[in-house]
Amino acid sequence: MAKQVGQLLIEGCIDGVCFYKLEGSYYARMKSSLTGKRVKNDPAFAGTMKSANLLGRASSLVSPVFQQLSKTERDRDLFRRLTGFVKGLLKEGVPVEKVRVLLADYVESWKKEDRSKK
């Protein structure tokens, strides 16, 4: 990706080049020929779709547990760690009910570890 410099910083696409802002800096890149439809249907992306489905299932399992935590305990990093933990279990073929038990244990051990740091 190329970084935009100068006084004229733009966002949008012109002739196959996309200009965008990311975390306060402006960049340019070539427009991709890849489409969502191709990713979802092309056998070349079967692994990507399998991983995306696992991530969606993991996120659905983590969300209710995460919502039960107090607002001070919740942060994006914790949600990501929990989701990654659950995704790994699902990938190994662990049944959903066992995943729920292991997730609850993981959260309890995290709470104890987090309190001991304070």
C-alpha atoms as a PDB file:
ATOM      1  CA  MET A   1       0.000   0.000   0.000  1.00  0.00           C
ATOM      2  CA  ALA A   2       1.238   3.468  -0.838  1.00  0.00           C
ATOM      3  CA  LYS A   3       1.000   6.329   1.595  1.00  0.00           C
ATOM      4  CA  GLN A   4      -0.588   9.571   0.408  1.00  0.00           C
ATOM      5  CA  VAL A   5       1.440  12.712   1.047  1.00  0.00           C
ATOM      6  CA  GLY A   6       0.918  16.373   0.297  1.00  0.00           C
ATOM      7  CA  GLN A   7      -1.945  18.778   0.917  1.00  0.00           C
ATOM      8  CA  LEU A   8      -4.578  16.972  -1.170  1.00  0.00           C
ATOM      9  CA  LEU A   9      -5.590  13.765   0.635  1.00  0.00           C
ATOM     10  CA  ILE A  10      -8.536  11.896  -0.869  1.00  0.00           C
ATOM     11  CA  GLU A  11     -10.831   8.983  -0.106  1.00  0.00           C
ATOM     12  CA  GLY A  12     -12.628   6.892  -2.730  1.00  0.00           C
ATOM     13  CA  CYS A  13     -11.772   4.995  -5.927  1.00  0.00           C
ATOM     14  CA  ILE A  14     -10.517   6.427  -9.219  1.00  0.00           C
ATOM     15  CA  ASP A  15      -9.609   4.237 -12.223  1.00  0.00           C
ATOM     16  CA  GLY A  16      -8.903   1.097 -10.213  1.00  0.00           C
ATOM     17  CA  VAL A  17      -6.986   2.846  -7.429  1.00  0.00           C
ATOM     18  CA  CYS A  18      -8.605   3.080  -3.989  1.00  0.00           C
ATOM     19  CA  PHE A  19      -7.690   5.943  -1.692  1.00  0.00           C
ATOM     20  CA  TYR A  20      -8.557   5.569   1.982  1.00  0.00           C
ATOM     21  CA  LYS A  21      -7.893   6.749   5.514  1.00  0.00           C
ATOM     22  CA  LEU A  22      -6.682   4.274   8.141  1.00  0.00           C
ATOM     23  CA  GLU A  23      -5.861   5.249  11.730  1.00  0.00           C
ATOM     24  CA  GLY A  24      -5.293   8.897  10.808  1.00  0.00           C
ATOM     25  CA  SER A  25      -3.053   8.254   7.772  1.00  0.00           C
ATOM     26  CA  TYR A  26      -4.047   8.237   4.110  1.00  0.00           C
ATOM     27  CA  TYR A  27      -3.159   5.387   1.764  1.00  0.00           C
ATOM     28  CA  ALA A  28      -3.719   4.165  -1.799  1.00  0.00           C
ATOM     29  CA  ARG A  29      -3.965   0.634  -3.170  1.00  0.00           C
ATOM     30  CA  MET A  30      -5.040  -1.125  -6.358  1.00  0.00           C
ATOM     31  CA  LYS A  31      -8.678  -2.165  -6.426  1.00  0.00           C
ATOM     32  CA  SER A  32      -9.083  -5.913  -5.894  1.00  0.00           C
ATOM     33  CA  SER A  33     -10.813  -8.148  -8.418  1.00  0.00           C
ATOM     34  CA  LEU A  34     -11.843 -10.454  -5.569  1.00  0.00           C
ATOM     35  CA  THR A  35     -15.548 -10.370  -4.691  1.00  0.00           C
ATOM     36  CA  GLY A  36     -17.514 -11.659  -1.724  1.00  0.00           C
ATOM     37  CA  LYS A  37     -19.521 -13.890  -4.058  1.00  0.00           C
ATOM     38  CA  ARG A  38     -16.330 -15.567  -5.323  1.00  0.00           C
ATOM     39  CA  VAL A  39     -14.970 -16.105  -1.804  1.00  0.00           C
ATOM     40  CA  LYS A  40     -18.246 -17.720  -0.741  1.00  0.00           C
ATOM     41  CA  ASN A  41     -18.598 -20.007  -3.773  1.00  0.00           C
ATOM     42  CA  ASP A  42     -15.131 -20.765  -5.187  1.00  0.00           C
ATOM     43  CA  PRO A  43     -13.666 -24.088  -3.977  1.00  0.00           C
ATOM     44  CA  ALA A  44     -10.287 -22.332  -3.683  1.00  0.00           C
ATOM     45  CA  PHE A  45     -11.682 -20.440  -0.684  1.00  0.00           C
ATOM     46  CA  ALA A  46     -13.325 -23.425   1.052  1.00  0.00           C
ATOM     47  CA  GLY A  47     -10.787 -23.260   3.884  1.00  0.00           C
ATOM     48  CA  THR A  48     -11.428 -19.548   4.342  1.00  0.00           C
ATOM     49  CA  MET A  49     -15.169 -20.129   4.580  1.00  0.00           C
ATOM     50  CA  LYS A  50     -14.716 -23.029   6.998  1.00  0.00           C
ATOM     51  CA  SER A  51     -12.570 -20.838   9.243  1.00  0.00           C
ATOM     52  CA  ALA A  52     -15.081 -17.971   8.997  1.00  0.00           C
ATOM     53  CA  ASN A  53     -17.917 -20.303   9.984  1.00  0.00           C
ATOM     54  CA  LEU A  54     -15.944 -21.577  12.988  1.00  0.00           C
ATOM     55  CA  LEU A  55     -15.220 -17.999  14.025  1.00  0.00           C
ATOM     56  CA  GLY A  56     -18.920 -17.115  13.763  1.00  0.00           C
ATOM     57  CA  ARG A  57     -19.930 -20.106  15.873  1.00  0.00           C
ATOM     58  CA  ALA A  58     -17.228 -19.299  18.432  1.00  0.00           C
ATOM     59  CA  SER A  59     -18.339 -15.680  18.641  1.00  0.00           C
ATOM     60  CA  SER A  60     -21.955 -16.764  19.181  1.00  0.00           C
ATOM     61  CA  LEU A  61     -20.902 -19.028  22.047  1.00  0.00           C
ATOM     62  CA  VAL A  62     -18.677 -16.396  23.674  1.00  0.00           C
ATOM     63  CA  SER A  63     -21.082 -13.461  23.427  1.00  0.00           C
ATOM     64  CA  PRO A  64     -23.582 -14.479  26.156  1.00  0.00           C
ATOM     65  CA  VAL A  65     -20.761 -15.326  28.573  1.00  0.00           C
ATOM     66  CA  PHE A  66     -18.992 -12.055  27.801  1.00  0.00           C
ATOM     67  CA  GLN A  67     -22.191 -10.055  28.349  1.00  0.00           C
ATOM     68  CA  GLN A  68     -22.468 -11.497  31.865  1.00  0.00           C
ATOM     69  CA  LEU A  69     -19.163  -9.922  32.855  1.00  0.00           C
ATOM     70  CA  SER A  70     -19.242  -6.515  34.518  1.00  0.00           C
ATOM     71  CA  LYS A  71     -18.492  -3.519  32.299  1.00  0.00           C
ATOM     72  CA  THR A  72     -15.151  -3.061  34.032  1.00  0.00           C
ATOM     73  CA  GLU A  73     -14.153  -6.656  33.223  1.00  0.00           C
ATOM     74  CA  ARG A  74     -15.082  -6.476  29.534  1.00  0.00           C
ATOM     75  CA  ASP A  75     -12.624  -5.377  26.914  1.00  0.00           C
ATOM     76  CA  ARG A  76     -12.067  -6.145  23.249  1.00  0.00           C
ATOM     77  CA  ASP A  77      -8.860  -8.086  23.908  1.00  0.00           C
ATOM     78  CA  LEU A  78     -10.653 -10.445  26.291  1.00  0.00           C
ATOM     79  CA  PHE A  79     -13.441 -11.065  23.761  1.00  0.00           C
ATOM     80  CA  ARG A  80     -10.850 -11.854  21.095  1.00  0.00           C
ATOM     81  CA  ARG A  81      -8.934 -14.225  23.380  1.00  0.00           C
ATOM     82  CA  LEU A  82     -12.130 -16.028  24.397  1.00  0.00           C
ATOM     83  CA  THR A  83     -13.260 -16.315  20.788  1.00  0.00           C
ATOM     84  CA  GLY A  84      -9.875 -17.680  19.712  1.00  0.00           C
ATOM     85  CA  PHE A  85      -9.920 -20.181  22.576  1.00  0.00           C
ATOM     86  CA  VAL A  86     -13.412 -21.407  21.623  1.00  0.00           C
ATOM     87  CA  LYS A  87     -12.581 -21.483  17.902  1.00  0.00           C
ATOM     88  CA  GLY A  88      -9.616 -23.743  18.647  1.00  0.00           C
ATOM     89  CA  LEU A  89     -11.830 -26.105  20.635  1.00  0.00           C
ATOM     90  CA  LEU A  90     -14.443 -26.232  17.872  1.00  0.00           C
ATOM     91  CA  LYS A  91     -11.727 -26.864  15.297  1.00  0.00           C
ATOM     92  CA  GLU A  92     -10.534 -29.852  17.345  1.00  0.00           C
ATOM     93  CA  GLY A  93     -14.093 -31.213  17.267  1.00  0.00           C
ATOM     94  CA  VAL A  94     -14.949 -30.650  20.943  1.00  0.00           C
ATOM     95  CA  PRO A  95     -18.743 -30.886  21.417  1.00  0.00           C
ATOM     96  CA  VAL A  96     -20.553 -27.584  22.019  1.00  0.00           C
ATOM     97  CA  GLU A  97     -21.714 -28.512  25.532  1.00  0.00           C
ATOM     98  CA  LYS A  98     -18.148 -29.314  26.583  1.00  0.00           C
ATOM     99  CA  VAL A  99     -16.992 -26.043  24.967  1.00  0.00           C
ATOM    100  CA  ARG A 100     -19.484 -24.147  27.138  1.00  0.00           C
ATOM    101  CA  VAL A 101     -18.116 -25.807  30.292  1.00  0.00           C
ATOM    102  CA  LEU A 102     -14.498 -25.155  29.291  1.00  0.00           C
ATOM    103  CA  LEU A 103     -15.363 -21.552  28.422  1.00  0.00           C
ATOM    104  CA  ALA A 104     -16.925 -20.992  31.846  1.00  0.00           C
ATOM    105  CA  ASP A 105     -13.824 -22.488  33.503  1.00  0.00           C
ATOM    106  CA  TYR A 106     -11.559 -20.300  31.364  1.00  0.00           C
ATOM    107  CA  VAL A 107     -13.471 -17.153  32.357  1.00  0.00           C
ATOM    108  CA  GLU A 108     -13.390 -18.087  36.059  1.00  0.00           C
ATOM    109  CA  SER A 109      -9.639 -18.703  35.963  1.00  0.00           C
ATOM    110  CA  TRP A 110      -9.188 -15.389  34.112  1.00  0.00           C
ATOM    111  CA  LYS A 111     -11.187 -13.569  36.820  1.00  0.00           C
ATOM    112  CA  LYS A 112      -9.014 -15.080  39.565  1.00  0.00           C
ATOM    113  CA  GLU A 113      -5.824 -14.264  37.649  1.00  0.00           C
ATOM    114  CA  ASP A 114      -7.042 -10.714  36.903  1.00  0.00           C
ATOM    115  CA  ARG A 115      -7.923 -10.060  40.570  1.00  0.00           C
ATOM    116  CA  SER A 116      -4.558 -11.339  41.754  1.00  0.00           C
ATOM    117  CA  LYS A 117      -2.806  -8.763  39.544  1.00  0.00           C
ATOM    118  CA  LYS A 118      -4.598  -5.852  41.238  1.00  0.00           C
END
